[in-house]
Protein backbone atom coordinates (compact mmCIF):
# COMPACT_ATOMS: atom_id res chain seq x y z
CA MET A 1 0.07 -0.39 -0.13
CA SER A 2 1.41 2.94 -0.54
CA LEU A 3 2.24 6.60 1.32
CA ASN A 4 -0.55 8.23 -0.74
CA THR A 5 -3.10 5.81 -0.30
CA ILE A 6 -2.82 5.66 3.39
CA ALA A 7 -2.37 9.67 4.01
CA GLN A 8 -5.99 9.82 1.72
CA ARG A 9 -7.42 7.16 3.95
CA PHE A 10 -6.41 8.62 7.14
CA ARG A 11 -7.27 12.01 6.11
CA ARG A 12 -10.83 10.35 5.52
CA ALA A 13 -11.00 9.11 8.82
CA THR A 14 -10.51 12.11 10.66
CA VAL A 15 -12.97 14.07 8.53
CA SER A 16 -15.77 11.46 9.49
CA ARG A 17 -14.21 11.57 12.92
CA ALA A 18 -14.68 15.35 13.07
CA LEU A 19 -17.94 15.62 11.52
CA THR A 20 -19.33 12.90 14.29
CA LEU A 21 -17.86 14.47 17.07
CA GLU A 22 -19.94 17.90 15.24
CA ARG A 23 -23.11 16.12 14.92
CA GLN A 24 -22.77 14.98 19.08
CA ARG A 25 -21.73 18.31 19.99
CA ARG A 26 -24.67 20.00 17.92
CA SER A 27 -27.17 17.07 19.49
CA PHE A 28 -25.95 17.71 22.86
CA HIS A 29 -27.93 20.09 24.97
CA VAL A 30 -26.48 22.28 27.87
CA ARG A 31 -29.62 22.68 30.81
CA ARG A 32 -29.74 26.28 32.22
CA ALA A 33 -31.73 27.64 34.93
CA PRO A 34 -34.62 30.02 33.95
CA GLU A 35 -33.97 33.10 33.47
CA PRO A 36 -34.63 35.27 36.85
CA PRO A 37 -36.98 37.82 36.89
CA SER A 38 -35.74 41.51 37.67
CA ALA A 39 -35.27 42.21 40.89
CA HIS A 40 -38.74 44.56 40.39
CA ILE A 41 -40.54 41.45 39.35
CA SER A 42 -38.98 39.29 42.13
CA GLN A 43 -40.09 41.61 44.87
CA LEU A 44 -43.41 42.13 43.60
CA LEU A 45 -44.14 38.36 43.30
CA ALA A 46 -43.53 37.65 46.95
CA SER A 47 -45.38 40.50 48.13
CA TYR A 48 -48.52 39.00 46.44
CA ALA A 49 -47.66 35.36 47.33
CA ALA A 50 -47.06 36.04 50.83
CA HIS A 51 -50.57 36.29 51.05
CA PRO A 52 -53.09 33.39 50.26
CA PRO A 53 -55.89 34.19 48.18
CA HIS A 54 -59.17 35.95 49.43
CA PRO A 55 -61.71 32.78 49.91
CA LEU A 56 -64.33 33.41 47.25
CA SER A 57 -67.45 31.42 46.52
CA LEU A 58 -69.48 30.26 44.12
CA ASN A 59 -72.12 32.85 44.95
CA SER A 60 -70.18 35.71 45.72
CA LEU A 61 -68.27 34.95 41.58
CA VAL A 62 -72.15 34.49 40.30
CA ALA A 63 -73.36 37.75 42.15
CA PHE A 64 -71.49 39.83 40.16
CA GLY A 65 -73.91 39.39 37.59
CA GLN A 66 -77.20 39.36 39.42
CA PRO A 67 -78.36 41.84 38.71
CA LEU A 68 -75.45 42.65 36.04
CA THR A 69 -74.92 46.80 35.90
CA PRO A 70 -72.14 48.61 34.93
CA GLU A 71 -71.05 49.19 38.70
CA SER A 72 -71.50 45.19 39.08
CA VAL A 73 -69.00 44.48 36.07
CA LEU A 74 -66.72 47.57 37.72
CA ARG A 75 -66.44 45.61 40.92
CA SER A 76 -65.80 42.36 38.99
CA VAL A 77 -62.68 43.91 37.07
CA SER A 78 -61.65 45.32 40.66
CA TYR A 79 -61.72 41.70 41.98
CA VAL A 80 -60.19 40.23 38.90
CA LEU A 81 -56.87 42.68 39.45
CA SER A 82 -56.24 41.93 42.76
CA GLU A 83 -57.06 38.15 42.94
CA ILE A 84 -55.76 36.75 39.86
CA PRO A 85 -52.22 38.32 40.61
CA ARG A 86 -52.22 36.58 43.72
CA ARG A 87 -52.88 32.96 41.97
CA LEU A 88 -50.33 33.51 39.24
CA ALA A 89 -47.54 34.52 42.16
CA ARG A 90 -48.38 31.29 44.09
CA ARG A 91 -48.16 29.23 40.91
CA ALA A 92 -44.69 31.03 39.85
CA ARG A 93 -43.46 30.57 43.09
CA ALA A 94 -44.72 26.54 43.38
CA LEU A 95 -42.69 26.30 40.22
CA GLU A 96 -39.69 28.15 41.72
CA THR A 97 -39.04 25.55 44.05
CA LEU A 98 -39.27 22.41 42.11
CA PRO A 99 -35.86 20.52 42.37
CA PHE A 100 -32.97 22.11 39.94
CA ILE A 101 -33.10 19.56 37.42
CA VAL A 102 -36.86 20.19 36.95
CA GLY A 103 -36.97 23.58 37.07
CA THR A 104 -34.13 23.60 33.83
CA ASN A 105 -36.57 21.74 31.59
CA PRO A 106 -37.83 23.61 28.92
CA TYR A 107 -41.14 22.98 29.24
CA VAL A 108 -41.64 23.74 33.01
CA SER A 109 -39.28 26.64 32.22
CA LYS A 110 -41.53 28.24 29.27
CA THR A 111 -44.52 27.36 32.00
CA LEU A 112 -42.84 29.35 34.65
CA ASN A 113 -42.13 32.47 32.04
CA ALA A 114 -45.45 32.56 31.24
CA TYR A 115 -46.71 32.71 34.71
CA ARG A 116 -44.34 35.54 35.46
CA GLN A 117 -45.39 37.53 32.40
CA SER A 118 -49.22 37.19 33.04
CA PHE A 119 -48.49 38.44 36.22
CA GLN A 120 -46.65 40.89 35.71
CA PHE A 121 -49.33 41.90 33.58
CA LEU A 122 -51.84 42.42 35.50
CA ALA A 123 -50.47 42.99 38.91
CA SER A 124 -49.22 46.34 37.14
CA TYR A 125 -52.25 47.08 35.03
CA PRO A 126 -53.96 50.52 36.26
CA PRO A 127 -57.16 50.65 37.94
CA VAL A 128 -60.21 50.25 35.71
CA THR A 129 -62.80 52.93 36.40
CA THR A 130 -64.95 52.85 33.55
CA LEU A 131 -66.65 50.77 30.90
CA GLU A 132 -64.84 52.02 28.30
CA GLU A 133 -61.48 50.99 30.19
CA ASN A 134 -63.05 48.08 31.33
CA THR A 135 -63.66 47.13 27.48
CA ALA A 136 -59.78 47.59 26.38
CA PHE A 137 -59.02 45.37 29.77
CA THR A 138 -61.08 42.53 28.84
CA ALA A 139 -59.79 42.50 25.32
CA GLU A 140 -56.64 42.41 26.65
CA LEU A 141 -57.31 39.58 29.05
CA SER A 142 -59.39 37.60 26.81
CA HIS A 143 -56.19 37.39 25.03
CA LEU A 144 -54.17 36.35 28.33
CA VAL A 145 -56.27 33.62 28.86
CA GLU A 146 -55.83 32.01 25.13
CA SER A 147 -51.77 32.33 25.43
CA HIS A 148 -52.19 29.72 28.36
CA ARG A 149 -54.07 27.42 26.64
CA ASN A 150 -51.01 25.01 26.41
CA ASP A 151 -49.65 25.17 29.91
CA ILE A 152 -51.00 22.00 30.66
CA PRO A 153 -49.85 19.74 27.71
CA THR A 154 -46.40 21.87 28.25
CA MET A 155 -46.35 20.98 31.91
CA ALA A 156 -47.43 17.50 30.64
CA LYS A 157 -44.93 16.97 28.42
CA GLY A 158 -41.83 18.70 30.71
CA PHE A 159 -43.07 16.53 34.08
CA GLN A 160 -43.06 12.76 31.41
CA GLU A 161 -39.15 14.07 30.88
CA CYS A 162 -38.32 14.56 34.67
CA ALA A 163 -40.73 11.74 35.96
CA LYS A 164 -37.45 9.93 37.49
CA TYR A 165 -36.48 13.22 39.71
CA MET A 166 -39.56 13.21 41.33
CA SER A 167 -42.15 10.16 43.00
CA PRO A 168 -45.30 10.01 41.76
CA THR A 169 -46.52 11.25 44.88
CA GLN A 170 -44.90 14.66 44.29
CA ILE A 171 -45.66 14.92 40.82
CA SER A 172 -49.83 14.18 41.33
CA ASN A 173 -49.54 16.45 44.39
CA PHE A 174 -47.89 19.41 42.33
CA LEU A 175 -50.27 18.68 39.14
CA ASP A 176 -53.31 18.76 41.03
CA GLY A 177 -52.45 21.65 43.25
CA ALA A 178 -51.66 23.73 39.48
CA ILE A 179 -54.45 21.99 37.48
CA ARG A 180 -57.25 23.35 40.48
CA ASN A 181 -55.21 26.94 40.53
CA ARG A 182 -55.82 26.71 36.93
CA ILE A 183 -59.50 25.93 37.02
CA SER A 184 -59.93 28.83 39.86
CA VAL A 185 -57.83 31.73 37.80
CA ARG A 186 -60.37 30.48 34.30
CA LEU A 187 -63.20 30.79 36.44
CA ILE A 188 -62.38 34.20 37.90
CA ALA A 189 -61.62 35.59 34.60
CA GLU A 190 -63.72 34.13 31.93
CA GLN A 191 -66.75 35.29 34.38
CA HIS A 192 -65.68 38.69 33.62
CA ILE A 193 -65.07 38.23 30.56
CA ALA A 194 -68.69 36.49 30.04
CA LEU A 195 -70.28 39.21 32.27
CA SER A 196 -68.67 42.06 30.12
CA GLN A 197 -70.08 40.60 27.24
CA ALA A 198 -73.56 40.04 28.41
CA LEU A 199 -73.69 43.76 29.53
CA GLU A 200 -72.40 45.34 26.10
CA SER A 201 -75.12 43.46 24.00
CA GLN A 202 -77.67 43.10 27.23
CA ARG A 203 -80.45 44.76 25.01
CA ASP A 204 -79.95 42.10 22.31
CA VAL A 205 -79.69 38.88 24.13
CA GLY A 206 -82.85 39.53 26.43
CA ILE A 207 -83.43 36.77 29.03
CA THR A 208 -81.03 33.81 29.63
CA SER A 209 -80.32 31.36 31.69
CA HIS A 210 -76.56 31.93 31.99
CA HIS A 211 -75.32 33.73 34.39
CA GLY A 212 -71.55 34.46 32.87
CA ILE A 213 -70.58 31.79 32.39
CA VAL A 214 -72.87 28.97 34.57
CA ASP A 215 -75.92 28.07 32.64
CA MET A 216 -78.75 27.57 35.50
CA ALA A 217 -80.76 25.33 32.92
CA CYS A 218 -77.76 23.18 30.97
CA SER A 219 -79.02 20.80 29.23
CA PRO A 220 -76.57 17.13 29.65
CA VAL A 221 -78.18 15.69 26.79
CA THR A 222 -77.65 18.75 24.58
CA MET A 223 -73.71 18.67 25.75
CA VAL A 224 -73.77 14.73 25.65
CA LYS A 225 -74.85 15.16 21.39
CA MET A 226 -72.29 17.84 21.15
CA CYS A 227 -69.25 15.71 22.68
CA GLY A 228 -70.26 12.99 20.93
CA ALA A 229 -70.38 14.44 17.43
CA PHE A 230 -67.19 15.62 18.00
CA VAL A 231 -65.50 12.30 19.21
CA SER A 232 -66.98 10.50 17.17
CA GLU A 233 -65.78 12.37 14.08
CA LEU A 234 -62.45 11.92 15.65
CA CYS A 235 -62.67 8.03 16.30
CA GLU A 236 -63.59 8.04 12.51
CA ALA A 237 -60.86 10.05 11.35
CA THR A 238 -58.19 7.85 13.70
CA LEU A 239 -59.62 4.19 13.62
CA GLY A 240 -62.01 3.84 10.73
CA ALA A 241 -64.80 3.34 12.44
CA THR A 242 -67.20 4.78 15.41
CA PRO A 243 -69.79 3.39 17.55
CA THR A 244 -73.24 4.94 17.99
CA ILE A 245 -74.30 6.97 21.45
CA VAL A 246 -77.93 5.53 22.79
CA ILE A 247 -78.97 8.32 25.48
CA ASP A 248 -81.65 6.95 28.07
CA GLY A 249 -83.13 7.87 31.48
CA HIS A 250 -84.06 11.26 31.70
CA PRO A 251 -83.03 13.06 28.96
CA ASP A 252 -85.09 16.61 29.54
CA ALA A 253 -83.27 16.75 32.63
CA THR A 254 -81.45 20.19 33.40
CA PHE A 255 -79.31 21.73 35.92
CA ALA A 256 -77.27 24.69 37.20
CA TYR A 257 -73.71 24.10 35.91
CA VAL A 258 -70.63 25.41 33.88
CA PRO A 259 -70.64 23.54 30.25
CA VAL A 260 -67.27 23.87 29.64
CA HIS A 261 -66.49 21.92 32.31
CA LEU A 262 -68.85 19.14 31.54
CA GLU A 263 -68.02 19.46 27.69
CA TYR A 264 -64.39 19.13 29.20
CA ILE A 265 -65.77 15.67 31.18
CA LEU A 266 -67.93 14.21 28.70
CA THR A 267 -65.39 14.73 25.72
CA GLU A 268 -62.47 12.74 27.95
CA ILE A 269 -65.22 10.06 28.55
CA PHE A 270 -66.29 9.53 25.41
CA LYS A 271 -62.80 9.49 23.74
CA ASN A 272 -61.80 6.55 26.03
CA ALA A 273 -65.02 4.61 25.11
CA PHE A 274 -64.99 5.21 21.68
CA ARG A 275 -61.61 3.68 21.57
CA ALA A 276 -62.03 0.83 23.74
CA THR A 277 -65.33 0.10 21.72
CA VAL A 278 -63.62 -0.13 18.17
CA GLU A 279 -60.88 -1.21 19.06
CA HIS A 280 -62.14 -4.52 20.91
CA HIS A 281 -64.61 -4.82 17.91
CA TYR A 282 -61.88 -5.19 15.53
CA LYS A 283 -60.27 -7.40 18.23
CA LEU A 284 -63.22 -9.68 18.17
CA HIS A 285 -64.31 -9.58 14.54
CA GLY A 286 -61.60 -8.55 12.84
CA THR A 287 -62.00 -4.65 10.53
CA THR A 288 -63.78 -5.89 7.56
CA SER A 289 -66.76 -7.31 9.59
CA ALA A 290 -70.13 -6.53 8.86
CA HIS A 291 -70.98 -7.35 12.53
CA PRO A 292 -72.34 -4.73 14.63
CA MET A 293 -70.72 -2.47 16.53
CA ALA A 294 -71.86 -2.32 20.14
CA PRO A 295 -72.79 0.79 21.12
CA VAL A 296 -71.92 3.19 23.87
CA THR A 297 -75.10 3.99 26.41
CA VAL A 298 -74.92 7.04 27.98
CA THR A 299 -77.59 6.87 30.92
CA ILE A 300 -78.99 10.45 32.67
CA SER A 301 -80.58 10.52 36.20
CA PRO A 302 -83.48 12.48 37.47
CA PRO A 303 -82.71 16.59 37.87
CA PRO A 304 -81.53 17.88 41.43
CA SER A 305 -83.76 18.50 43.96
CA LEU A 306 -83.42 19.92 47.24
CA THR A 307 -83.10 16.61 48.56
CA THR A 308 -80.42 15.05 46.20
CA PRO A 309 -78.40 18.42 44.58
CA PHE A 310 -76.74 16.00 42.18
CA LEU A 311 -76.97 15.27 38.54
CA SER A 312 -75.18 12.43 37.65
CA ILE A 313 -74.01 10.93 34.25
CA ARG A 314 -73.33 7.16 33.01
CA VAL A 315 -71.33 6.40 30.20
CA ARG A 316 -70.84 2.46 29.74
CA ASP A 317 -68.85 1.14 26.85
CA GLN A 318 -68.21 -2.55 25.83
CA GLY A 319 -65.24 -2.16 24.80
CA GLY A 320 -63.11 -5.39 26.96
CA GLY A 321 -62.60 -3.20 30.44
CA VAL A 322 -59.37 -2.12 31.61
CA SER A 323 -57.16 -4.88 32.93
CA PRO A 324 -56.65 -5.53 36.28
CA SER A 325 -52.84 -4.45 36.14
CA ASN A 326 -53.70 -0.85 35.05
CA MET A 327 -56.90 -0.16 37.27
CA ALA A 328 -54.88 1.56 40.11
CA ARG A 329 -53.48 3.32 37.59
CA ILE A 330 -56.31 4.54 35.42
CA PHE A 331 -56.59 7.56 37.21
CA SER A 332 -52.64 8.79 37.57
CA TYR A 333 -51.30 11.56 35.64
CA ALA A 334 -49.15 10.28 32.44
CA PHE A 335 -50.92 7.23 32.42
CA THR A 336 -51.68 6.55 29.05
CA THR A 337 -52.52 3.93 26.44
CA ALA A 338 -52.77 6.23 23.20
CA GLY A 339 -50.62 6.49 20.75
CA HIS A 340 -48.13 3.83 21.92
CA ALA A 341 -49.78 0.81 20.98
CA ASP A 342 -47.05 0.96 17.59
CA SER A 343 -43.42 1.60 17.60
CA ASP A 344 -44.22 3.81 14.55
CA GLY A 345 -46.37 6.05 16.26
CA SER A 346 -49.47 5.69 14.04
CA GLY A 347 -51.31 3.42 16.89
CA PRO A 348 -54.66 4.74 17.92
CA TYR A 349 -55.64 8.14 18.34
CA ALA A 350 -51.84 9.05 17.12
CA ALA A 351 -53.14 12.12 15.29
CA GLN A 352 -54.33 13.65 18.56
CA HIS A 353 -50.67 12.63 20.22
CA VAL A 354 -49.08 14.15 17.23
CA GLY A 355 -51.30 17.27 17.72
CA GLY A 356 -50.74 17.87 21.23
CA SER A 357 -46.84 17.55 20.44
CA ALA A 358 -47.06 20.45 17.81
CA ALA A 359 -48.99 22.23 20.32
CA VAL A 360 -46.41 21.98 22.97
CA VAL A 361 -43.68 22.88 20.21
CA GLY A 362 -45.53 25.17 18.70
CA GLY A 363 -47.36 27.44 21.04
CA THR A 364 -50.96 28.80 19.39
CA SER A 365 -49.80 29.15 16.27
CA GLY A 366 -51.19 27.80 13.48
CA GLY A 367 -50.19 24.97 11.05
CA GLU A 368 -50.82 21.32 10.17
CA GLY A 369 -49.22 20.39 13.11
CA ASN A 370 -51.52 21.61 15.41
CA LEU A 371 -54.67 20.88 13.65
CA PHE A 372 -57.05 19.58 16.64
CA GLY A 373 -55.59 22.18 18.56
CA GLU A 374 -57.15 24.45 16.09
CA ILE A 375 -60.40 22.13 16.09
CA THR A 376 -60.58 22.02 19.08
CA GLY A 377 -60.22 26.01 20.42
CA LYS A 378 -63.59 26.43 20.88
CA GLY A 379 -63.94 27.90 24.22
CA VAL A 380 -63.20 24.48 26.13
CA GLN A 381 -61.14 25.57 29.15
CA VAL A 382 -58.27 23.16 28.09
CA GLY A 383 -57.46 22.49 24.61
CA LEU A 384 -59.72 18.96 24.05
CA GLY A 385 -56.99 16.59 21.74
CA THR A 386 -54.34 18.34 22.62
CA ILE A 387 -53.37 16.22 25.68
CA ALA A 388 -53.95 12.87 24.34
CA GLY A 389 -50.92 10.14 24.78
CA LEU A 390 -49.93 12.31 27.89
CA GLY A 391 -52.45 10.52 30.42
CA TYR A 392 -53.95 13.62 31.82
CA GLY A 393 -57.59 13.11 30.63
CA LEU A 394 -59.42 10.81 33.14
CA PRO A 395 -57.17 12.62 36.17
CA MET A 396 -58.28 15.98 34.96
CA SER A 397 -62.21 15.32 34.63
CA ARG A 398 -61.81 13.45 37.68
CA LEU A 399 -60.63 17.32 38.83
CA TYR A 400 -63.36 19.13 37.47
CA ALA A 401 -66.13 16.56 38.66
CA THR A 402 -64.95 17.32 42.10
CA TYR A 403 -64.01 20.86 41.85
CA PHE A 404 -67.93 22.12 43.00
CA GLY A 405 -67.98 18.93 45.44
CA GLY A 406 -69.07 15.84 42.74
CA SER A 407 -67.28 12.58 42.14
CA LEU A 408 -66.08 10.67 39.24
CA ASP A 409 -65.55 7.35 39.42
CA LEU A 410 -64.42 4.28 36.58
CA PHE A 411 -65.48 0.74 37.05
CA SER A 412 -64.71 -2.04 35.13
CA LEU A 413 -66.56 -5.14 34.33
CA ASP A 414 -64.35 -7.40 32.34
CA ARG A 415 -66.93 -10.19 32.63
CA TRP A 416 -70.63 -11.10 32.23
CA GLY A 417 -72.71 -10.89 35.21
CA LYS A 418 -73.56 -9.23 38.23
CA TYR A 419 -72.27 -5.70 39.84
CA PRO A 420 -69.97 -5.38 42.50
CA ALA A 421 -71.92 -5.21 45.76
CA SER A 422 -70.01 -1.95 46.00
CA LEU A 423 -71.24 -0.40 43.10
CA ASP A 424 -73.66 2.62 43.68
CA THR A 425 -75.68 2.81 40.83
CA SER A 426 -78.44 5.44 42.97
CA GLY A 427 -80.33 7.40 40.50
CA PHE A 428 -80.11 4.47 37.66
CA GLY A 429 -81.70 1.19 38.97
CA ARG A 430 -79.65 -1.84 39.01
CA ILE A 431 -79.09 -3.79 35.54
CA ASN A 432 -78.56 -7.40 36.63
CA GLU A 433 -76.23 -8.29 33.58
CA CYS A 434 -73.70 -6.33 31.74
CA HIS A 435 -70.96 -6.80 28.56
CA ALA A 436 -67.24 -6.79 29.43
CA GLY A 437 -66.34 -2.88 29.68
CA SER A 438 -65.93 -0.23 31.74
CA ASP A 439 -68.80 2.23 33.35
CA VAL A 440 -67.80 5.82 34.26
CA TYR A 441 -70.61 7.75 36.46
CA ALA A 442 -69.92 11.42 37.06
CA LYS A 443 -72.03 12.64 40.20
CA LEU A 444 -72.12 16.59 39.61
CA ARG A 445 -73.05 18.88 42.05
CA SER A 446 -75.80 21.66 40.75
CA VAL A 447 -73.96 24.59 41.31
CA ASP A 448 -76.55 26.35 42.65
CA GLN A 449 -76.90 24.22 45.53
CA ALA A 450 -72.95 24.56 45.91
CA GLY A 451 -72.47 28.64 46.75
CA ASN A 452 -70.15 27.88 49.45
CA ALA A 453 -67.80 26.21 47.19
CA GLN A 454 -64.92 27.66 47.38
CA ILE A 455 -63.08 29.19 44.02
């Protein structure tokens, strides 16, 4: 072998090694702590966070619109400017006290920065004393609420990456507090936005059952049909088939509730029920069988009364039930089977999983990757579909159900037979036999009888 050939091979090996090192250098990500806020903002955060939120009952929140007058709207905006910064400051402080390695995660850091920016905006906003000033502020507040639409999927991605640095109990406790704080902040903000808009259009709207974001005659059957239609389209697009919904019980029942909360709860329950039903049908009969697919049955209880202040909704499917190994984790954050069945990412509801990742990475910008974020940006408090594959659907649904004193439980019925003795079917009667599947019971407290619920 000539010296020239040896030299050429050596040069090629050197270049190849250099390119490999450069690729490694570019792929190596150095985590840095989030940029600290200015001294002024840090002091302001500490000042607001040092005081606990003012206790606010649901009655007090609704009272801003009873009656709806210019004076009541100005009282509402005064409360918003004093209370929301206090709650944002406490969440920012909670994020700052996370373990250092967790705080340096880019998704957690992004959430912290979003809280700081919103806090600074509201804490430094001048007093609102006229309806004209309130109109301008309400527009800003609406934009602020929209800017936080993807906070939960962003935080979910961060904790998913940092799961080995915190125990499941620590993560669960932190996320419970963060999500409950989010619910309260959005209730306060969206109630004021709704009242302000209602005052401006009062002459055109006339008599309505809405007191801000609370619908005193919320119709579960209307919500079931709306959420069912949305999930049906989603299921058809991702799995190629969809079950029908059968509604029984008391379809004419109404109760006082926050429609966007019920919308979130029902949509998450339906996503699980529809997916399980289709997959179980494919498992039993194949993807090309003409065998009819089992429906998803929704039973609505009688409306609330003075002795029973709850309305219950039961959703049962014949999707094979939940395996015993998964039952203990079904309400745990980050537990999911969506989008992970296939290594290529094309499993059930993969489109939602992709939409969620795009929403996290791309913020609120448009584009094909954020398709489901765009589809579901219709006033729902947490962008429906954007957290699929991150395992937050059922635990968040339970938080929404319990927020006003209700409950949400899932029972897996994995064989023919009688219900377990512990299964409470009050309001529905007792049914002796069932197919293998899951039963979800949402017991929702009518908010006109939950006036003492603290927000």
